[in-house]
Amino acid sequence: MRFQISNTVVGALNILSLLLGLSALATSAYIHFHGGDGASDCQKVLQYPLLIAGVFIVIISTLGIVGSLCRINFALYAYLLITFLLIVAMILFTIFALFVTNKKVGQQVSTRAYGEYVVTDFSHWLQHYVVNNKNWDEVKSCLMDAGVCHDLAIHGGFNHSNEDLFFKHLSTTQVGCCKPPANCGFKMKNATYWEAPKTGASWANNSDCKTWSNKEDKLCYDCNSCKGGVLANIRNQWKHLTIFNSVVCVLVTAIYVLGCFAIRNNRIDMYNKNHTHP
């Protein structure tokens, strides 16, 4: 009997997603068994999300494969139910992401050519979830692992008269975390060393001025300006993520529709088998 195309497409797509889920599980296992005490906080924080996502993808992909290719309607019904809930969750996430990233952020610092950010310009959810003490330690570890301030070290010998032009081309995270805030009045000796002003009159209203350190593992990672720069970067990334999420949602919806046709195909095949006489 002819094998309907919708069953084949659903099965093939779920085989691909199954491989993706197994890859996530393998990565999580690698971090757990090979990372050990040497794994950074940034690596460890990925372990359980990868594990949960991998298990979820493997389960739903298995249901899709069994339901579409093995013609088991119970598995296909379960697959469609989970897929429907996934579509709803993706729609809700898109709405949520638009809500928490909609607030206008970014403050132009005096006459500088680059912008610096403050935490209070962002939504309360981003402030309390991303930059609370526990999560910020993990974020800070990731920033150090990624070497976000490495570009400044590379350009350590450039002419500091071009300071504005140099920082204008850096990311919001680098501007916030790799240099002291502009209103602290530090004098730039090179890209890796800043000299504090003789008088700290402007420091009273900005705790970041005292937090800054020329040490490579300190810099301004604990500054509010760094948190603001990270939040600005998250906001920009989430805007791209909402677009990607919308595209994926359309794709998953198309797979859901194909799954509905696959159920119909299974019913037709079952009916034909029950009514076919030798």
C-alpha atoms as a PDB file:
ATOM      1  CA  MET A   1       0.000   0.000   0.000  1.00  0.00           C
ATOM      2  CA  ARG A   2       1.242   3.481  -0.821  1.00  0.00           C
ATOM      3  CA  PHE A   3       3.072   5.138   2.025  1.00  0.00           C
ATOM      4  CA  GLN A   4       1.610   8.626   2.513  1.00  0.00           C
ATOM      5  CA  ILE A   5       4.063  11.517   2.236  1.00  0.00           C
ATOM      6  CA  SER A   6       2.926  13.255   5.447  1.00  0.00           C
ATOM      7  CA  ASN A   7       3.986  10.234   7.510  1.00  0.00           C
ATOM      8  CA  THR A   8       7.370  10.189   5.782  1.00  0.00           C
ATOM      9  CA  VAL A   9       7.994  13.910   6.320  1.00  0.00           C
ATOM     10  CA  VAL A  10       6.986  13.779  10.002  1.00  0.00           C
ATOM     11  CA  GLY A  11       9.172  10.720  10.533  1.00  0.00           C
ATOM     12  CA  ALA A  12      12.192  12.244   8.760  1.00  0.00           C
ATOM     13  CA  LEU A  13      11.961  15.550  10.663  1.00  0.00           C
ATOM     14  CA  ASN A  14      11.721  13.721  13.966  1.00  0.00           C
ATOM     15  CA  ILE A  15      14.743  11.569  13.130  1.00  0.00           C
ATOM     16  CA  LEU A  16      16.702  14.809  12.694  1.00  0.00           C
ATOM     17  CA  SER A  17      15.371  16.240  15.947  1.00  0.00           C
ATOM     18  CA  LEU A  18      16.206  12.940  17.690  1.00  0.00           C
ATOM     19  CA  LEU A  19      19.834  13.325  16.613  1.00  0.00           C
ATOM     20  CA  LEU A  20      19.751  16.893  17.937  1.00  0.00           C
ATOM     21  CA  GLY A  21      18.391  15.692  21.283  1.00  0.00           C
ATOM     22  CA  LEU A  22      21.045  12.991  21.549  1.00  0.00           C
ATOM     23  CA  SER A  23      23.719  15.611  20.828  1.00  0.00           C
ATOM     24  CA  ALA A  24      22.398  17.764  23.679  1.00  0.00           C
ATOM     25  CA  LEU A  25      22.473  14.763  26.035  1.00  0.00           C
ATOM     26  CA  ALA A  26      26.010  13.894  24.951  1.00  0.00           C
ATOM     27  CA  THR A  27      27.183  17.464  25.571  1.00  0.00           C
ATOM     28  CA  SER A  28      25.579  17.499  29.018  1.00  0.00           C
ATOM     29  CA  ALA A  29      27.199  14.162  29.866  1.00  0.00           C
ATOM     30  CA  TYR A  30      30.587  15.418  28.660  1.00  0.00           C
ATOM     31  CA  ILE A  31      30.380  18.468  30.926  1.00  0.00           C
ATOM     32  CA  HIS A  32      29.396  16.250  33.866  1.00  0.00           C
ATOM     33  CA  PHE A  33      32.017  13.519  33.462  1.00  0.00           C
ATOM     34  CA  HIS A  34      34.924  15.386  31.896  1.00  0.00           C
ATOM     35  CA  GLY A  35      34.435  18.909  33.233  1.00  0.00           C
ATOM     36  CA  GLY A  36      34.849  17.907  36.865  1.00  0.00           C
ATOM     37  CA  ASP A  37      36.217  20.500  39.246  1.00  0.00           C
ATOM     38  CA  GLY A  38      37.970  22.159  36.322  1.00  0.00           C
ATOM     39  CA  ALA A  39      34.709  23.166  34.656  1.00  0.00           C
ATOM     40  CA  SER A  40      33.827  26.841  34.956  1.00  0.00           C
ATOM     41  CA  ASP A  41      30.523  28.117  36.325  1.00  0.00           C
ATOM     42  CA  CYS A  42      29.628  29.054  32.758  1.00  0.00           C
ATOM     43  CA  GLN A  43      30.067  25.461  31.595  1.00  0.00           C
ATOM     44  CA  LYS A  44      28.257  24.008  34.601  1.00  0.00           C
ATOM     45  CA  VAL A  45      25.233  26.258  34.148  1.00  0.00           C
ATOM     46  CA  LEU A  46      24.689  24.717  30.695  1.00  0.00           C
ATOM     47  CA  GLN A  47      24.686  21.125  31.975  1.00  0.00           C
ATOM     48  CA  TYR A  48      21.130  20.821  33.301  1.00  0.00           C
ATOM     49  CA  PRO A  49      19.367  22.919  30.627  1.00  0.00           C
ATOM     50  CA  LEU A  50      21.041  20.746  27.986  1.00  0.00           C
ATOM     51  CA  LEU A  51      20.003  17.604  29.882  1.00  0.00           C
ATOM     52  CA  ILE A  52      16.367  18.686  30.226  1.00  0.00           C
ATOM     53  CA  ALA A  53      16.143  19.900  26.632  1.00  0.00           C
ATOM     54  CA  GLY A  54      17.807  16.723  25.362  1.00  0.00           C
ATOM     55  CA  VAL A  55      15.446  14.406  27.249  1.00  0.00           C
ATOM     56  CA  PHE A  56      12.414  16.405  26.074  1.00  0.00           C
ATOM     57  CA  ILE A  57      13.517  16.362  22.417  1.00  0.00           C
ATOM     58  CA  VAL A  58      14.353  12.638  22.523  1.00  0.00           C
ATOM     59  CA  ILE A  59      10.943  11.751  24.019  1.00  0.00           C
ATOM     60  CA  ILE A  60       8.880  13.867  21.615  1.00  0.00           C
ATOM     61  CA  SER A  61      10.957  12.755  18.604  1.00  0.00           C
ATOM     62  CA  THR A  62      10.547   9.096  19.549  1.00  0.00           C
ATOM     63  CA  LEU A  63       6.786   9.528  19.806  1.00  0.00           C
ATOM     64  CA  GLY A  64       6.748  11.214  16.393  1.00  0.00           C
ATOM     65  CA  ILE A  65       8.818   8.468  14.778  1.00  0.00           C
ATOM     66  CA  VAL A  66       6.828   5.620  16.317  1.00  0.00           C
ATOM     67  CA  GLY A  67       3.503   7.296  15.530  1.00  0.00           C
ATOM     68  CA  SER A  68       4.241   8.245  11.935  1.00  0.00           C
ATOM     69  CA  LEU A  69       6.472   5.433  10.683  1.00  0.00           C
ATOM     70  CA  CYS A  70       5.155   2.543  12.798  1.00  0.00           C
ATOM     71  CA  ARG A  71       1.551   3.702  12.382  1.00  0.00           C
ATOM     72  CA  ILE A  72       0.748   3.727  16.108  1.00  0.00           C
ATOM     73  CA  ASN A  73      -1.952   6.330  16.642  1.00  0.00           C
ATOM     74  CA  PHE A  74      -1.619   6.448  20.434  1.00  0.00           C
ATOM     75  CA  ALA A  75       1.984   7.626  20.091  1.00  0.00           C
ATOM     76  CA  LEU A  76       0.993  10.098  17.403  1.00  0.00           C
ATOM     77  CA  TYR A  77      -1.813  11.539  19.571  1.00  0.00           C
ATOM     78  CA  ALA A  78       0.661  12.018  22.426  1.00  0.00           C
ATOM     79  CA  TYR A  79       3.128  13.601  19.996  1.00  0.00           C
ATOM     80  CA  LEU A  80       0.517  16.045  18.695  1.00  0.00           C
ATOM     81  CA  LEU A  81      -0.597  16.980  22.207  1.00  0.00           C
ATOM     82  CA  ILE A  82       2.976  17.811  23.250  1.00  0.00           C
ATOM     83  CA  THR A  83       3.565  19.662  19.967  1.00  0.00           C
ATOM     84  CA  PHE A  84       0.422  21.731  20.507  1.00  0.00           C
ATOM     85  CA  LEU A  85       1.547  22.655  24.024  1.00  0.00           C
ATOM     86  CA  LEU A  86       4.974  23.535  22.608  1.00  0.00           C
ATOM     87  CA  ILE A  87       3.382  25.880  20.057  1.00  0.00           C
ATOM     88  CA  VAL A  88       1.395  27.603  22.824  1.00  0.00           C
ATOM     89  CA  ALA A  89       4.539  27.903  24.954  1.00  0.00           C
ATOM     90  CA  MET A  90       6.502  29.422  22.060  1.00  0.00           C
ATOM     91  CA  ILE A  91       3.762  31.988  21.413  1.00  0.00           C
ATOM     92  CA  LEU A  92       3.662  32.913  25.108  1.00  0.00           C
ATOM     93  CA  PHE A  93       7.462  33.177  25.213  1.00  0.00           C
ATOM     94  CA  THR A  94       7.460  35.497  22.202  1.00  0.00           C
ATOM     95  CA  ILE A  95       4.902  37.764  23.881  1.00  0.00           C
ATOM     96  CA  PHE A  96       6.895  37.652  27.128  1.00  0.00           C
ATOM     97  CA  ALA A  97      10.176  38.457  25.354  1.00  0.00           C
ATOM     98  CA  LEU A  98       8.602  41.436  23.605  1.00  0.00           C
ATOM     99  CA  PHE A  99       7.237  42.656  26.938  1.00  0.00           C
ATOM    100  CA  VAL A 100      10.479  42.456  28.944  1.00  0.00           C
ATOM    101  CA  THR A 101      12.639  43.935  26.167  1.00  0.00           C
ATOM    102  CA  ASN A 102      10.299  46.684  25.004  1.00  0.00           C
ATOM    103  CA  LYS A 103      11.488  49.383  27.414  1.00  0.00           C
ATOM    104  CA  LYS A 104      13.781  51.911  25.784  1.00  0.00           C
ATOM    105  CA  VAL A 105      17.307  51.661  27.156  1.00  0.00           C
ATOM    106  CA  GLY A 106      20.670  53.328  26.733  1.00  0.00           C
ATOM    107  CA  GLN A 107      21.967  56.606  27.968  1.00  0.00           C
ATOM    108  CA  GLN A 108      24.333  58.781  25.972  1.00  0.00           C
ATOM    109  CA  VAL A 109      27.209  59.757  28.299  1.00  0.00           C
ATOM    110  CA  SER A 110      27.948  63.480  27.982  1.00  0.00           C
ATOM    111  CA  THR A 111      29.520  64.072  24.574  1.00  0.00           C
ATOM    112  CA  ARG A 112      30.973  60.618  24.172  1.00  0.00           C
ATOM    113  CA  ALA A 113      30.521  58.812  20.867  1.00  0.00           C
ATOM    114  CA  TYR A 114      29.471  55.633  22.657  1.00  0.00           C
ATOM    115  CA  GLY A 115      26.615  54.856  25.026  1.00  0.00           C
ATOM    116  CA  GLU A 116      26.718  53.466  28.569  1.00  0.00           C
ATOM    117  CA  TYR A 117      23.810  51.782  30.283  1.00  0.00           C
ATOM    118  CA  VAL A 118      22.257  51.691  33.724  1.00  0.00           C
ATOM    119  CA  VAL A 119      20.401  48.725  35.199  1.00  0.00           C
ATOM    120  CA  THR A 120      17.304  50.756  36.125  1.00  0.00           C
ATOM    121  CA  ASP A 121      16.561  51.420  32.445  1.00  0.00           C
ATOM    122  CA  PHE A 122      15.517  47.797  31.964  1.00  0.00           C
ATOM    123  CA  SER A 123      12.429  45.809  32.899  1.00  0.00           C
ATOM    124  CA  HIS A 124      12.144  44.648  36.516  1.00  0.00           C
ATOM    125  CA  TRP A 125      12.190  41.000  35.439  1.00  0.00           C
ATOM    126  CA  LEU A 126      15.543  41.375  33.676  1.00  0.00           C
ATOM    127  CA  GLN A 127      16.930  43.304  36.624  1.00  0.00           C
ATOM    128  CA  HIS A 128      15.925  40.803  39.294  1.00  0.00           C
ATOM    129  CA  TYR A 129      16.458  37.575  37.363  1.00  0.00           C
ATOM    130  CA  VAL A 130      19.604  38.245  35.340  1.00  0.00           C
ATOM    131  CA  VAL A 131      21.624  40.517  37.633  1.00  0.00           C
ATOM    132  CA  ASN A 132      20.792  39.116  41.059  1.00  0.00           C
ATOM    133  CA  ASN A 133      23.819  38.003  43.053  1.00  0.00           C
ATOM    134  CA  LYS A 134      23.520  34.267  42.347  1.00  0.00           C
ATOM    135  CA  ASN A 135      22.947  34.528  38.600  1.00  0.00           C
ATOM    136  CA  TRP A 136      25.418  37.342  38.138  1.00  0.00           C
ATOM    137  CA  ASP A 137      28.294  35.165  39.382  1.00  0.00           C
ATOM    138  CA  GLU A 138      27.486  32.723  36.584  1.00  0.00           C
ATOM    139  CA  VAL A 139      27.141  35.499  34.005  1.00  0.00           C
ATOM    140  CA  LYS A 140      30.450  36.992  35.128  1.00  0.00           C
ATOM    141  CA  SER A 141      32.120  33.591  34.768  1.00  0.00           C
ATOM    142  CA  CYS A 142      30.810  33.353  31.207  1.00  0.00           C
ATOM    143  CA  LEU A 143      32.111  36.830  30.393  1.00  0.00           C
ATOM    144  CA  MET A 144      35.576  35.864  31.598  1.00  0.00           C
ATOM    145  CA  ASP A 145      35.492  32.549  29.747  1.00  0.00           C
ATOM    146  CA  ALA A 146      34.453  34.319  26.543  1.00  0.00           C
ATOM    147  CA  GLY A 147      37.272  36.864  26.943  1.00  0.00           C
ATOM    148  CA  VAL A 148      35.005  39.833  26.221  1.00  0.00           C
ATOM    149  CA  CYS A 149      37.768  42.239  27.282  1.00  0.00           C
ATOM    150  CA  HIS A 150      40.455  40.494  25.264  1.00  0.00           C
ATOM    151  CA  ASP A 151      40.134  42.947  22.349  1.00  0.00           C
ATOM    152  CA  LEU A 152      41.154  45.797  24.619  1.00  0.00           C
ATOM    153  CA  ALA A 153      44.272  43.927  25.713  1.00  0.00           C
ATOM    154  CA  ILE A 154      45.207  43.294  22.079  1.00  0.00           C
ATOM    155  CA  HIS A 155      44.923  46.993  21.321  1.00  0.00           C
ATOM    156  CA  GLY A 156      46.792  47.971  24.473  1.00  0.00           C
ATOM    157  CA  GLY A 157      49.336  50.038  22.579  1.00  0.00           C
ATOM    158  CA  PHE A 158      47.028  52.198  20.479  1.00  0.00           C
ATOM    159  CA  ASN A 159      46.949  56.001  20.702  1.00  0.00           C
ATOM    160  CA  HIS A 160      44.551  56.886  23.520  1.00  0.00           C
ATOM    161  CA  SER A 161      43.658  60.157  21.777  1.00  0.00           C
ATOM    162  CA  ASN A 162      41.339  58.010  19.654  1.00  0.00           C
ATOM    163  CA  GLU A 163      39.552  56.701  22.762  1.00  0.00           C
ATOM    164  CA  ASP A 164      36.010  57.632  21.645  1.00  0.00           C
ATOM    165  CA  LEU A 165      36.497  56.088  18.210  1.00  0.00           C
ATOM    166  CA  PHE A 166      37.942  52.920  19.731  1.00  0.00           C
ATOM    167  CA  PHE A 167      35.113  52.341  22.211  1.00  0.00           C
ATOM    168  CA  LYS A 168      32.429  53.266  19.707  1.00  0.00           C
ATOM    169  CA  HIS A 169      33.063  49.983  17.879  1.00  0.00           C
ATOM    170  CA  LEU A 170      32.914  47.802  20.989  1.00  0.00           C
ATOM    171  CA  SER A 171      29.852  45.896  22.138  1.00  0.00           C
ATOM    172  CA  THR A 172      27.626  47.196  24.941  1.00  0.00           C
ATOM    173  CA  THR A 173      29.033  44.468  27.197  1.00  0.00           C
ATOM    174  CA  GLN A 174      32.632  45.499  26.495  1.00  0.00           C
ATOM    175  CA  VAL A 175      31.877  49.190  27.099  1.00  0.00           C
ATOM    176  CA  GLY A 176      30.225  48.391  30.431  1.00  0.00           C
ATOM    177  CA  CYS A 177      32.590  45.722  31.730  1.00  0.00           C
ATOM    178  CA  CYS A 178      36.036  46.501  30.330  1.00  0.00           C
ATOM    179  CA  LYS A 179      36.450  50.159  31.269  1.00  0.00           C
ATOM    180  CA  PRO A 180      35.467  52.477  34.132  1.00  0.00           C
ATOM    181  CA  PRO A 181      32.352  54.635  33.562  1.00  0.00           C
ATOM    182  CA  ALA A 182      33.125  57.865  31.722  1.00  0.00           C
ATOM    183  CA  ASN A 183      31.806  60.116  34.492  1.00  0.00           C
ATOM    184  CA  CYS A 184      34.345  58.709  36.977  1.00  0.00           C
ATOM    185  CA  GLY A 185      37.040  60.800  35.309  1.00  0.00           C
ATOM    186  CA  PHE A 186      39.654  58.063  34.911  1.00  0.00           C
ATOM    187  CA  LYS A 187      42.482  58.865  32.516  1.00  0.00           C
ATOM    188  CA  MET A 188      43.259  56.225  29.952  1.00  0.00           C
ATOM    189  CA  LYS A 189      46.943  55.320  29.785  1.00  0.00           C
ATOM    190  CA  ASN A 190      46.383  52.427  27.408  1.00  0.00           C
ATOM    191  CA  ALA A 191      43.587  49.974  26.682  1.00  0.00           C
ATOM    192  CA  THR A 192      44.451  47.890  29.739  1.00  0.00           C
ATOM    193  CA  TYR A 193      45.334  50.518  32.306  1.00  0.00           C
ATOM    194  CA  TRP A 194      43.382  53.519  33.648  1.00  0.00           C
ATOM    195  CA  GLU A 195      44.666  56.123  36.099  1.00  0.00           C
ATOM    196  CA  ALA A 196      42.316  57.339  38.811  1.00  0.00           C
ATOM    197  CA  PRO A 197      41.784  61.115  39.091  1.00  0.00           C
ATOM    198  CA  LYS A 198      43.470  62.962  41.951  1.00  0.00           C
ATOM    199  CA  THR A 199      40.090  63.966  43.362  1.00  0.00           C
ATOM    200  CA  GLY A 200      37.148  61.607  43.426  1.00  0.00           C
ATOM    201  CA  ALA A 201      34.414  64.254  43.612  1.00  0.00           C
ATOM    202  CA  SER A 202      32.281  62.485  41.004  1.00  0.00           C
ATOM    203  CA  TRP A 203      32.594  59.144  42.812  1.00  0.00           C
ATOM    204  CA  ALA A 204      30.028  59.934  45.499  1.00  0.00           C
ATOM    205  CA  ASN A 205      27.077  59.249  43.188  1.00  0.00           C
ATOM    206  CA  ASN A 206      28.614  56.312  41.336  1.00  0.00           C
ATOM    207  CA  SER A 207      29.799  53.248  43.249  1.00  0.00           C
ATOM    208  CA  ASP A 208      31.277  51.849  40.019  1.00  0.00           C
ATOM    209  CA  CYS A 209      34.165  54.310  40.328  1.00  0.00           C
ATOM    210  CA  LYS A 210      35.421  52.509  43.437  1.00  0.00           C
ATOM    211  CA  THR A 211      34.558  49.078  42.059  1.00  0.00           C
ATOM    212  CA  TRP A 212      36.814  49.440  39.011  1.00  0.00           C
ATOM    213  CA  SER A 213      40.164  47.636  39.122  1.00  0.00           C
ATOM    214  CA  ASN A 214      43.020  47.454  36.609  1.00  0.00           C
ATOM    215  CA  LYS A 215      43.431  43.758  37.427  1.00  0.00           C
ATOM    216  CA  GLU A 216      42.455  41.616  34.448  1.00  0.00           C
ATOM    217  CA  ASP A 217      40.216  39.322  36.512  1.00  0.00           C
ATOM    218  CA  LYS A 218      38.440  42.268  38.148  1.00  0.00           C
ATOM    219  CA  LEU A 219      38.061  45.232  35.773  1.00  0.00           C
ATOM    220  CA  CYS A 220      34.448  46.400  36.019  1.00  0.00           C
ATOM    221  CA  TYR A 221      32.791  42.962  36.086  1.00  0.00           C
ATOM    222  CA  ASP A 222      31.027  43.831  39.348  1.00  0.00           C
ATOM    223  CA  CYS A 223      29.980  47.310  38.204  1.00  0.00           C
ATOM    224  CA  ASN A 224      26.399  48.336  37.576  1.00  0.00           C
ATOM    225  CA  SER A 225      27.563  49.610  34.196  1.00  0.00           C
ATOM    226  CA  CYS A 226      28.669  46.064  33.325  1.00  0.00           C
ATOM    227  CA  LYS A 227      25.285  44.676  34.316  1.00  0.00           C
ATOM    228  CA  GLY A 228      23.614  47.378  32.263  1.00  0.00           C
ATOM    229  CA  GLY A 229      25.783  46.549  29.247  1.00  0.00           C
ATOM    230  CA  VAL A 230      24.957  42.854  29.563  1.00  0.00           C
ATOM    231  CA  LEU A 231      21.235  43.628  29.837  1.00  0.00           C
ATOM    232  CA  ALA A 232      21.441  45.849  26.753  1.00  0.00           C
ATOM    233  CA  ASN A 233      23.093  42.979  24.882  1.00  0.00           C
ATOM    234  CA  ILE A 234      20.434  40.538  26.125  1.00  0.00           C
ATOM    235  CA  ARG A 235      17.706  42.884  24.956  1.00  0.00           C
ATOM    236  CA  ASN A 236      19.252  43.047  21.483  1.00  0.00           C
ATOM    237  CA  GLN A 237      19.719  39.268  21.353  1.00  0.00           C
ATOM    238  CA  TRP A 238      16.185  38.605  22.518  1.00  0.00           C
ATOM    239  CA  LYS A 239      14.819  40.786  19.738  1.00  0.00           C
ATOM    240  CA  HIS A 240      16.577  38.512  17.258  1.00  0.00           C
ATOM    241  CA  LEU A 241      15.405  35.502  19.250  1.00  0.00           C
ATOM    242  CA  THR A 242      11.746  36.538  18.964  1.00  0.00           C
ATOM    243  CA  ILE A 243      12.112  36.606  15.178  1.00  0.00           C
ATOM    244  CA  PHE A 244      13.813  33.196  15.175  1.00  0.00           C
ATOM    245  CA  ASN A 245      11.205  31.863  17.615  1.00  0.00           C
ATOM    246  CA  SER A 246       8.383  33.050  15.345  1.00  0.00           C
ATOM    247  CA  VAL A 247       9.929  31.247  12.367  1.00  0.00           C
ATOM    248  CA  VAL A 248      10.376  28.052  14.405  1.00  0.00           C
ATOM    249  CA  CYS A 249       6.794  28.360  15.650  1.00  0.00           C
ATOM    250  CA  VAL A 250       5.540  28.453  12.044  1.00  0.00           C
ATOM    251  CA  LEU A 251       7.671  25.390  11.241  1.00  0.00           C
ATOM    252  CA  VAL A 252       6.416  23.466  14.288  1.00  0.00           C
ATOM    253  CA  THR A 253       2.838  24.409  13.384  1.00  0.00           C
ATOM    254  CA  ALA A 254       3.403  23.012   9.885  1.00  0.00           C
ATOM    255  CA  ILE A 255       4.741  19.792  11.422  1.00  0.00           C
ATOM    256  CA  TYR A 256       1.676  19.687  13.684  1.00  0.00           C
ATOM    257  CA  VAL A 257      -0.606  19.934  10.633  1.00  0.00           C
ATOM    258  CA  LEU A 258       1.351  17.159   8.909  1.00  0.00           C
ATOM    259  CA  GLY A 259       0.953  15.087  12.063  1.00  0.00           C
ATOM    260  CA  CYS A 260      -2.811  15.527  11.855  1.00  0.00           C
ATOM    261  CA  PHE A 261      -2.717  14.245   8.272  1.00  0.00           C
ATOM    262  CA  ALA A 262      -0.540  11.340   9.423  1.00  0.00           C
ATOM    263  CA  ILE A 263      -3.233  10.345  11.947  1.00  0.00           C
ATOM    264  CA  ARG A 264      -5.809  10.452   9.192  1.00  0.00           C
ATOM    265  CA  ASN A 265      -3.562   8.269   7.023  1.00  0.00           C
ATOM    266  CA  ASN A 266      -3.201   5.767   9.857  1.00  0.00           C
ATOM    267  CA  ARG A 267      -6.980   5.625  10.278  1.00  0.00           C
ATOM    268  CA  ILE A 268      -7.504   5.083   6.549  1.00  0.00           C
ATOM    269  CA  ASP A 269      -4.933   2.289   6.494  1.00  0.00           C
ATOM    270  CA  MET A 270      -6.528   0.671   9.537  1.00  0.00           C
ATOM    271  CA  TYR A 271      -9.957   0.912   7.940  1.00  0.00           C
ATOM    272  CA  ASN A 272      -8.714  -0.588   4.688  1.00  0.00           C
ATOM    273  CA  LYS A 273      -7.033  -3.462   6.521  1.00  0.00           C
ATOM    274  CA  ASN A 274     -10.175  -4.241   8.498  1.00  0.00           C
ATOM    275  CA  HIS A 275     -12.339  -4.199   5.374  1.00  0.00           C
ATOM    276  CA  THR A 276     -10.016  -6.051   3.009  1.00  0.00           C
ATOM    277  CA  HIS A 277     -11.016  -9.659   2.428  1.00  0.00           C
ATOM    278  CA  PRO A 278      -8.561 -12.290   1.177  1.00  0.00           C
END
